[in-house]
Amino acid sequence: MYFQGGPGFSASLVRDEAELLADRVAVHLIDPHGSGGSTPPTAPAQSDHVGHARFYDAVRRALGLERVSIMGISFGSLVA
């Protein structure tokens, strides 16, 4: 999993890079609440790094992924 820096940034910003990896690993570009084209969070706590981490953990489970490699930049590094 890769987390783009800063809330509000769309995962689509790394689409070109993700396509380079798609033949070797599964790539999912997911915007958390309030980022890209997604809806704003319903509670302020969903906007901090812990809320984002919980969101992505729920996505990981929904995708049926047991183990993942993660990294992030800026705010994304706090989430990672």
PDB file of N, CA and C in Angstrom:
ATOM      1  N   MET A   1       0.849  -1.160   0.000  1.00  0.00           N
ATOM      2  CA  MET A   1       0.000   0.000   0.000  1.00  0.00           C
ATOM      3  C   MET A   1       0.901   1.230   0.000  1.00  0.00           C
ATOM      4  N   TYR A   2       0.482   2.220  -0.718  1.00  0.00           N
ATOM      5  CA  TYR A   2       1.205   3.492  -0.793  1.00  0.00           C
ATOM      6  C   TYR A   2       0.228   4.597  -0.444  1.00  0.00           C
ATOM      7  N   PHE A   3       0.652   5.487   0.427  1.00  0.00           N
ATOM      8  CA  PHE A   3      -0.202   6.586   0.844  1.00  0.00           C
ATOM      9  C   PHE A   3       0.381   7.905   0.363  1.00  0.00           C
ATOM     10  N   GLN A   4      -0.359   8.575  -0.501  1.00  0.00           N
ATOM     11  CA  GLN A   4       0.038   9.868  -1.026  1.00  0.00           C
ATOM     12  C   GLN A   4       0.073  10.879   0.120  1.00  0.00           C
ATOM     13  N   GLY A   5       0.942  11.846   0.035  1.00  0.00           N
ATOM     14  CA  GLY A   5       1.050  12.866   1.074  1.00  0.00           C
ATOM     15  C   GLY A   5      -0.158  13.784   1.112  1.00  0.00           C
ATOM     16  N   GLY A   6      -0.547  14.156   2.303  1.00  0.00           N
ATOM     17  CA  GLY A   6      -1.582  15.159   2.516  1.00  0.00           C
ATOM     18  C   GLY A   6      -2.992  14.721   2.242  1.00  0.00           C
ATOM     19  N   PRO A   7      -3.881  14.944   3.212  1.00  0.00           N
ATOM     20  CA  PRO A   7      -5.294  14.686   2.956  1.00  0.00           C
ATOM     21  C   PRO A   7      -5.776  15.558   1.802  1.00  0.00           C
ATOM     22  N   GLY A   8      -6.637  15.026   1.003  1.00  0.00           N
ATOM     23  CA  GLY A   8      -7.166  15.782  -0.124  1.00  0.00           C
ATOM     24  C   GLY A   8      -6.554  15.400  -1.453  1.00  0.00           C
ATOM     25  N   PHE A   9      -5.348  14.833  -1.429  1.00  0.00           N
ATOM     26  CA  PHE A   9      -4.705  14.418  -2.667  1.00  0.00           C
ATOM     27  C   PHE A   9      -5.368  13.158  -3.198  1.00  0.00           C
ATOM     28  N   SER A  10      -5.588  13.114  -4.479  1.00  0.00           N
ATOM     29  CA  SER A  10      -6.204  11.951  -5.113  1.00  0.00           C
ATOM     30  C   SER A  10      -5.165  10.877  -5.382  1.00  0.00           C
ATOM     31  N   ALA A  11      -5.559   9.627  -5.198  1.00  0.00           N
ATOM     32  CA  ALA A  11      -4.676   8.501  -5.521  1.00  0.00           C
ATOM     33  C   ALA A  11      -4.337   8.487  -7.006  1.00  0.00           C
ATOM     34  N   SER A  12      -5.161   9.119  -7.820  1.00  0.00           N
ATOM     35  CA  SER A  12      -4.906   9.141  -9.265  1.00  0.00           C
ATOM     36  C   SER A  12      -3.611   9.867  -9.617  1.00  0.00           C
ATOM     37  N   LEU A  13      -3.070  10.642  -8.671  1.00  0.00           N
ATOM     38  CA  LEU A  13      -1.805  11.342  -8.919  1.00  0.00           C
ATOM     39  C   LEU A  13      -0.655  10.369  -9.180  1.00  0.00           C
ATOM     40  N   VAL A  14      -0.789   9.140  -8.692  1.00  0.00           N
ATOM     41  CA  VAL A  14       0.280   8.153  -8.882  1.00  0.00           C
ATOM     42  C   VAL A  14      -0.131   7.052  -9.864  1.00  0.00           C
ATOM     43  N   ARG A  15      -1.148   7.316 -10.680  1.00  0.00           N
ATOM     44  CA  ARG A  15      -1.632   6.307 -11.625  1.00  0.00           C
ATOM     45  C   ARG A  15      -0.528   5.818 -12.567  1.00  0.00           C
ATOM     46  N   ASP A  16       0.256   6.720 -13.117  1.00  0.00           N
ATOM     47  CA  ASP A  16       1.307   6.308 -14.060  1.00  0.00           C
ATOM     48  C   ASP A  16       2.316   5.380 -13.392  1.00  0.00           C
ATOM     49  N   GLU A  17       2.730   5.723 -12.163  1.00  0.00           N
ATOM     50  CA  GLU A  17       3.675   4.887 -11.436  1.00  0.00           C
ATOM     51  C   GLU A  17       3.043   3.532 -11.095  1.00  0.00           C
ATOM     52  N   ALA A  18       1.775   3.561 -10.702  1.00  0.00           N
ATOM     53  CA  ALA A  18       1.069   2.324 -10.357  1.00  0.00           C
ATOM     54  C   ALA A  18       0.985   1.395 -11.558  1.00  0.00           C
ATOM     55  N   GLU A  19       0.760   1.945 -12.727  1.00  0.00           N
ATOM     56  CA  GLU A  19       0.682   1.118 -13.934  1.00  0.00           C
ATOM     57  C   GLU A  19       2.009   0.425 -14.221  1.00  0.00           C
ATOM     58  N   LEU A  20       3.128   1.053 -13.850  1.00  0.00           N
ATOM     59  CA  LEU A  20       4.433   0.423 -14.047  1.00  0.00           C
ATOM     60  C   LEU A  20       4.596  -0.819 -13.172  1.00  0.00           C
ATOM     61  N   LEU A  21       3.910  -0.862 -12.046  1.00  0.00           N
ATOM     62  CA  LEU A  21       4.026  -1.979 -11.111  1.00  0.00           C
ATOM     63  C   LEU A  21       2.939  -3.038 -11.296  1.00  0.00           C
ATOM     64  N   ALA A  22       1.911  -2.713 -12.039  1.00  0.00           N
ATOM     65  CA  ALA A  22       0.713  -3.555 -12.117  1.00  0.00           C
ATOM     66  C   ALA A  22       0.970  -4.950 -12.668  1.00  0.00           C
ATOM     67  N   ASP A  23       2.023  -5.138 -13.439  1.00  0.00           N
ATOM     68  CA  ASP A  23       2.296  -6.482 -13.949  1.00  0.00           C
ATOM     69  C   ASP A  23       3.014  -7.357 -12.923  1.00  0.00           C
ATOM     70  N   ARG A  24       3.448  -6.752 -11.796  1.00  0.00           N
ATOM     71  CA  ARG A  24       4.168  -7.513 -10.759  1.00  0.00           C
ATOM     72  C   ARG A  24       3.402  -7.626  -9.452  1.00  0.00           C
ATOM     73  N   VAL A  25       2.575  -6.630  -9.156  1.00  0.00           N
ATOM     74  CA  VAL A  25       1.815  -6.628  -7.896  1.00  0.00           C
ATOM     75  C   VAL A  25       0.410  -6.116  -8.155  1.00  0.00           C
ATOM     76  N   ALA A  26      -0.504  -6.440  -7.270  1.00  0.00           N
ATOM     77  CA  ALA A  26      -1.863  -5.902  -7.367  1.00  0.00           C
ATOM     78  C   ALA A  26      -1.823  -4.434  -6.959  1.00  0.00           C
ATOM     79  N   VAL A  27      -2.451  -3.593  -7.736  1.00  0.00           N
ATOM     80  CA  VAL A  27      -2.464  -2.164  -7.475  1.00  0.00           C
ATOM     81  C   VAL A  27      -3.910  -1.704  -7.312  1.00  0.00           C
ATOM     82  N   HIS A  28      -4.182  -1.010  -6.200  1.00  0.00           N
ATOM     83  CA  HIS A  28      -5.505  -0.457  -5.931  1.00  0.00           C
ATOM     84  C   HIS A  28      -5.321   1.023  -5.615  1.00  0.00           C
ATOM     85  N   LEU A  29      -5.927   1.888  -6.392  1.00  0.00           N
ATOM     86  CA  LEU A  29      -5.858   3.323  -6.124  1.00  0.00           C
ATOM     87  C   LEU A  29      -7.140   3.730  -5.410  1.00  0.00           C
ATOM     88  N   ILE A  30      -7.040   4.004  -4.122  1.00  0.00           N
ATOM     89  CA  ILE A  30      -8.193   4.264  -3.272  1.00  0.00           C
ATOM     90  C   ILE A  30      -8.079   5.659  -2.672  1.00  0.00           C
ATOM     91  N   ASP A  31      -9.116   6.452  -2.801  1.00  0.00           N
ATOM     92  CA  ASP A  31      -9.161   7.767  -2.150  1.00  0.00           C
ATOM     93  C   ASP A  31      -9.916   7.645  -0.829  1.00  0.00           C
ATOM     94  N   PRO A  32      -9.273   8.026   0.304  1.00  0.00           N
ATOM     95  CA  PRO A  32     -10.002   8.013   1.570  1.00  0.00           C
ATOM     96  C   PRO A  32     -11.006   9.162   1.609  1.00  0.00           C
ATOM     97  N   HIS A  33     -11.852   9.156   2.624  1.00  0.00           N
ATOM     98  CA  HIS A  33     -12.860  10.214   2.764  1.00  0.00           C
ATOM     99  C   HIS A  33     -12.226  11.593   2.649  1.00  0.00           C
ATOM    100  N   GLY A  34     -12.806  12.431   1.805  1.00  0.00           N
ATOM    101  CA  GLY A  34     -12.340  13.808   1.660  1.00  0.00           C
ATOM    102  C   GLY A  34     -11.184  13.986   0.701  1.00  0.00           C
ATOM    103  N   SER A  35     -10.766  12.930   0.031  1.00  0.00           N
ATOM    104  CA  SER A  35      -9.657  13.015  -0.923  1.00  0.00           C
ATOM    105  C   SER A  35     -10.162  12.666  -2.316  1.00  0.00           C
ATOM    106  N   GLY A  36      -9.557  13.291  -3.309  1.00  0.00           N
ATOM    107  CA  GLY A  36      -9.967  13.022  -4.684  1.00  0.00           C
ATOM    108  C   GLY A  36     -11.443  13.279  -4.869  1.00  0.00           C
ATOM    109  N   GLY A  37     -12.158  12.321  -5.423  1.00  0.00           N
ATOM    110  CA  GLY A  37     -13.585  12.471  -5.670  1.00  0.00           C
ATOM    111  C   GLY A  37     -14.459  11.875  -4.576  1.00  0.00           C
ATOM    112  N   SER A  38     -13.878  11.501  -3.429  1.00  0.00           N
ATOM    113  CA  SER A  38     -14.660  10.875  -2.369  1.00  0.00           C
ATOM    114  C   SER A  38     -15.418  11.912  -1.540  1.00  0.00           C
ATOM    115  N   THR A  39     -16.362  11.430  -0.766  1.00  0.00           N
ATOM    116  CA  THR A  39     -17.149  12.318   0.094  1.00  0.00           C
ATOM    117  C   THR A  39     -16.341  12.713   1.321  1.00  0.00           C
ATOM    118  N   PRO A  40     -16.651  13.869   1.911  1.00  0.00           N
ATOM    119  CA  PRO A  40     -15.944  14.288   3.130  1.00  0.00           C
ATOM    120  C   PRO A  40     -16.224  13.326   4.285  1.00  0.00           C
ATOM    121  N   PRO A  41     -15.317  13.275   5.267  1.00  0.00           N
ATOM    122  CA  PRO A  41     -15.544  12.396   6.415  1.00  0.00           C
ATOM    123  C   PRO A  41     -16.762  12.849   7.220  1.00  0.00           C
ATOM    124  N   THR A  42     -17.410  11.893   7.887  1.00  0.00           N
ATOM    125  CA  THR A  42     -18.588  12.216   8.693  1.00  0.00           C
ATOM    126  C   THR A  42     -18.212  12.662  10.098  1.00  0.00           C
ATOM    127  N   ALA A  43     -16.995  12.347  10.527  1.00  0.00           N
ATOM    128  CA  ALA A  43     -16.527  12.744  11.855  1.00  0.00           C
ATOM    129  C   ALA A  43     -15.111  13.303  11.737  1.00  0.00           C
ATOM    130  N   PRO A  44     -14.781  14.353  12.506  1.00  0.00           N
ATOM    131  CA  PRO A  44     -13.433  14.938  12.432  1.00  0.00           C
ATOM    132  C   PRO A  44     -12.306  13.930  12.678  1.00  0.00           C
ATOM    133  N   ALA A  45     -12.539  12.944  13.526  1.00  0.00           N
ATOM    134  CA  ALA A  45     -11.498  11.957  13.832  1.00  0.00           C
ATOM    135  C   ALA A  45     -11.119  11.120  12.617  1.00  0.00           C
ATOM    136  N   GLN A  46     -11.975  11.069  11.607  1.00  0.00           N
ATOM    137  CA  GLN A  46     -11.653  10.302  10.399  1.00  0.00           C
ATOM    138  C   GLN A  46     -10.641  11.033   9.522  1.00  0.00           C
ATOM    139  N   SER A  47     -10.375  12.305   9.834  1.00  0.00           N
ATOM    140  CA  SER A  47      -9.476  13.105   9.001  1.00  0.00           C
ATOM    141  C   SER A  47      -8.025  13.018   9.435  1.00  0.00           C
ATOM    142  N   ASP A  48      -7.756  12.573  10.669  1.00  0.00           N
ATOM    143  CA  ASP A  48      -6.370  12.519  11.110  1.00  0.00           C
ATOM    144  C   ASP A  48      -5.691  11.235  10.627  1.00  0.00           C
ATOM    145  N   HIS A  49      -4.407  11.101  10.930  1.00  0.00           N
ATOM    146  CA  HIS A  49      -3.657   9.944  10.426  1.00  0.00           C
ATOM    147  C   HIS A  49      -4.197   8.615  10.961  1.00  0.00           C
ATOM    148  N   VAL A  50      -4.699   8.605  12.182  1.00  0.00           N
ATOM    149  CA  VAL A  50      -5.254   7.379  12.746  1.00  0.00           C
ATOM    150  C   VAL A  50      -6.550   7.003  12.014  1.00  0.00           C
ATOM    151  N   GLY A  51      -7.388   8.002  11.740  1.00  0.00           N
ATOM    152  CA  GLY A  51      -8.618   7.746  10.986  1.00  0.00           C
ATOM    153  C   GLY A  51      -8.335   7.218   9.597  1.00  0.00           C
ATOM    154  N   HIS A  52      -7.320   7.786   8.942  1.00  0.00           N
ATOM    155  CA  HIS A  52      -6.931   7.305   7.616  1.00  0.00           C
ATOM    156  C   HIS A  52      -6.398   5.875   7.697  1.00  0.00           C
ATOM    157  N   ALA A  53      -5.594   5.582   8.734  1.00  0.00           N
ATOM    158  CA  ALA A  53      -5.058   4.227   8.888  1.00  0.00           C
ATOM    159  C   ALA A  53      -6.199   3.224   9.096  1.00  0.00           C
ATOM    160  N   ARG A  54      -7.185   3.604   9.893  1.00  0.00           N
ATOM    161  CA  ARG A  54      -8.335   2.714  10.103  1.00  0.00           C
ATOM    162  C   ARG A  54      -9.095   2.486   8.787  1.00  0.00           C
ATOM    163  N   PHE A  55      -9.257   3.552   8.023  1.00  0.00           N
ATOM    164  CA  PHE A  55      -9.937   3.434   6.734  1.00  0.00           C
ATOM    165  C   PHE A  55      -9.212   2.431   5.832  1.00  0.00           C
ATOM    166  N   TYR A  56      -7.896   2.610   5.697  1.00  0.00           N
ATOM    167  CA  TYR A  56      -7.137   1.733   4.810  1.00  0.00           C
ATOM    168  C   TYR A  56      -7.063   0.305   5.339  1.00  0.00           C
ATOM    169  N   ASP A  57      -7.085   0.130   6.657  1.00  0.00           N
ATOM    170  CA  ASP A  57      -7.117  -1.217   7.202  1.00  0.00           C
ATOM    171  C   ASP A  57      -8.438  -1.894   6.846  1.00  0.00           C
ATOM    172  N   ALA A  58      -9.527  -1.131   6.892  1.00  0.00           N
ATOM    173  CA  ALA A  58     -10.833  -1.683   6.486  1.00  0.00           C
ATOM    174  C   ALA A  58     -10.822  -2.038   5.000  1.00  0.00           C
ATOM    175  N   VAL A  59     -10.188  -1.203   4.184  1.00  0.00           N
ATOM    176  CA  VAL A  59     -10.068  -1.502   2.750  1.00  0.00           C
ATOM    177  C   VAL A  59      -9.254  -2.778   2.550  1.00  0.00           C
ATOM    178  N   ARG A  60      -8.146  -2.899   3.274  1.00  0.00           N
ATOM    179  CA  ARG A  60      -7.296  -4.089   3.178  1.00  0.00           C
ATOM    180  C   ARG A  60      -8.108  -5.348   3.485  1.00  0.00           C
ATOM    181  N   ARG A  61      -8.863  -5.296   4.568  1.00  0.00           N
ATOM    182  CA  ARG A  61      -9.683  -6.463   4.939  1.00  0.00           C
ATOM    183  C   ARG A  61     -10.758  -6.732   3.892  1.00  0.00           C
ATOM    184  N   ALA A  62     -11.399  -5.662   3.381  1.00  0.00           N
ATOM    185  CA  ALA A  62     -12.455  -5.829   2.369  1.00  0.00           C
ATOM    186  C   ALA A  62     -11.905  -6.457   1.089  1.00  0.00           C
ATOM    187  N   LEU A  63     -10.653  -6.176   0.781  1.00  0.00           N
ATOM    188  CA  LEU A  63     -10.018  -6.759  -0.401  1.00  0.00           C
ATOM    189  C   LEU A  63      -9.487  -8.167  -0.142  1.00  0.00           C
ATOM    190  N   GLY A  64      -9.577  -8.611   1.114  1.00  0.00           N
ATOM    191  CA  GLY A  64      -9.109  -9.949   1.466  1.00  0.00           C
ATOM    192  C   GLY A  64      -7.602 -10.065   1.525  1.00  0.00           C
ATOM    193  N   LEU A  65      -6.926  -8.963   1.802  1.00  0.00           N
ATOM    194  CA  LEU A  65      -5.463  -8.961   1.847  1.00  0.00           C
ATOM    195  C   LEU A  65      -4.998  -9.208   3.278  1.00  0.00           C
ATOM    196  N   GLU A  66      -4.230 -10.275   3.478  1.00  0.00           N
ATOM    197  CA  GLU A  66      -3.706 -10.592   4.802  1.00  0.00           C
ATOM    198  C   GLU A  66      -2.504  -9.715   5.136  1.00  0.00           C
ATOM    199  N   ARG A  67      -1.505  -9.748   4.260  1.00  0.00           N
ATOM    200  CA  ARG A  67      -0.270  -9.000   4.491  1.00  0.00           C
ATOM    201  C   ARG A  67      -0.046  -8.057   3.317  1.00  0.00           C
ATOM    202  N   VAL A  68       0.393  -6.856   3.629  1.00  0.00           N
ATOM    203  CA  VAL A  68       0.683  -5.870   2.591  1.00  0.00           C
ATOM    204  C   VAL A  68       1.982  -5.156   2.936  1.00  0.00           C
ATOM    205  N   SER A  69       2.634  -4.634   1.933  1.00  0.00           N
ATOM    206  CA  SER A  69       3.771  -3.734   2.124  1.00  0.00           C
ATOM    207  C   SER A  69       3.221  -2.331   2.000  1.00  0.00           C
ATOM    208  N   ILE A  70       3.636  -1.452   2.896  1.00  0.00           N
ATOM    209  CA  ILE A  70       3.109  -0.088   2.874  1.00  0.00           C
ATOM    210  C   ILE A  70       4.233   0.929   2.882  1.00  0.00           C
ATOM    211  N   MET A  71       3.954   2.090   2.325  1.00  0.00           N
ATOM    212  CA  MET A  71       4.861   3.235   2.363  1.00  0.00           C
ATOM    213  C   MET A  71       4.038   4.486   2.155  1.00  0.00           C
ATOM    214  N   GLY A  72       4.601   5.606   2.519  1.00  0.00           N
ATOM    215  CA  GLY A  72       3.903   6.859   2.321  1.00  0.00           C
ATOM    216  C   GLY A  72       4.860   8.026   2.243  1.00  0.00           C
ATOM    217  N   ILE A  73       4.337   9.147   1.808  1.00  0.00           N
ATOM    218  CA  ILE A  73       5.109  10.378   1.710  1.00  0.00           C
ATOM    219  C   ILE A  73       4.381  11.443   2.518  1.00  0.00           C
ATOM    220  N   SER A  74       5.129  12.232   3.290  1.00  0.00           N
ATOM    221  CA  SER A  74       4.574  13.331   4.071  1.00  0.00           C
ATOM    222  C   SER A  74       3.489  12.800   5.012  1.00  0.00           C
ATOM    223  N   PHE A  75       2.271  13.315   4.943  1.00  0.00           N
ATOM    224  CA  PHE A  75       1.175  12.833   5.783  1.00  0.00           C
ATOM    225  C   PHE A  75       0.991  11.330   5.600  1.00  0.00           C
ATOM    226  N   GLY A  76       1.189  10.855   4.384  1.00  0.00           N
ATOM    227  CA  GLY A  76       1.069   9.427   4.098  1.00  0.00           C
ATOM    228  C   GLY A  76       2.044   8.580   4.906  1.00  0.00           C
ATOM    229  N   SER A  77       3.212   9.140   5.261  1.00  0.00           N
ATOM    230  CA  SER A  77       4.160   8.375   6.080  1.00  0.00           C
ATOM    231  C   SER A  77       3.629   8.197   7.498  1.00  0.00           C
ATOM    232  N   LEU A  78       2.876   9.163   8.004  1.00  0.00           N
ATOM    233  CA  LEU A  78       2.234   9.010   9.319  1.00  0.00           C
ATOM    234  C   LEU A  78       1.172   7.923   9.251  1.00  0.00           C
ATOM    235  N   VAL A  79       0.430   7.884   8.168  1.00  0.00           N
ATOM    236  CA  VAL A  79      -0.595   6.852   7.996  1.00  0.00           C
ATOM    237  C   VAL A  79       0.071   5.480   7.901  1.00  0.00           C
ATOM    238  N   ALA A  80       1.141   5.400   7.133  1.00  0.00           N
ATOM    239  CA  ALA A  80       1.855   4.113   6.975  1.00  0.00           C
ATOM    240  C   ALA A  80       2.390   3.639   8.298  1.00  0.00           C
TER     241      ALA A  80
END
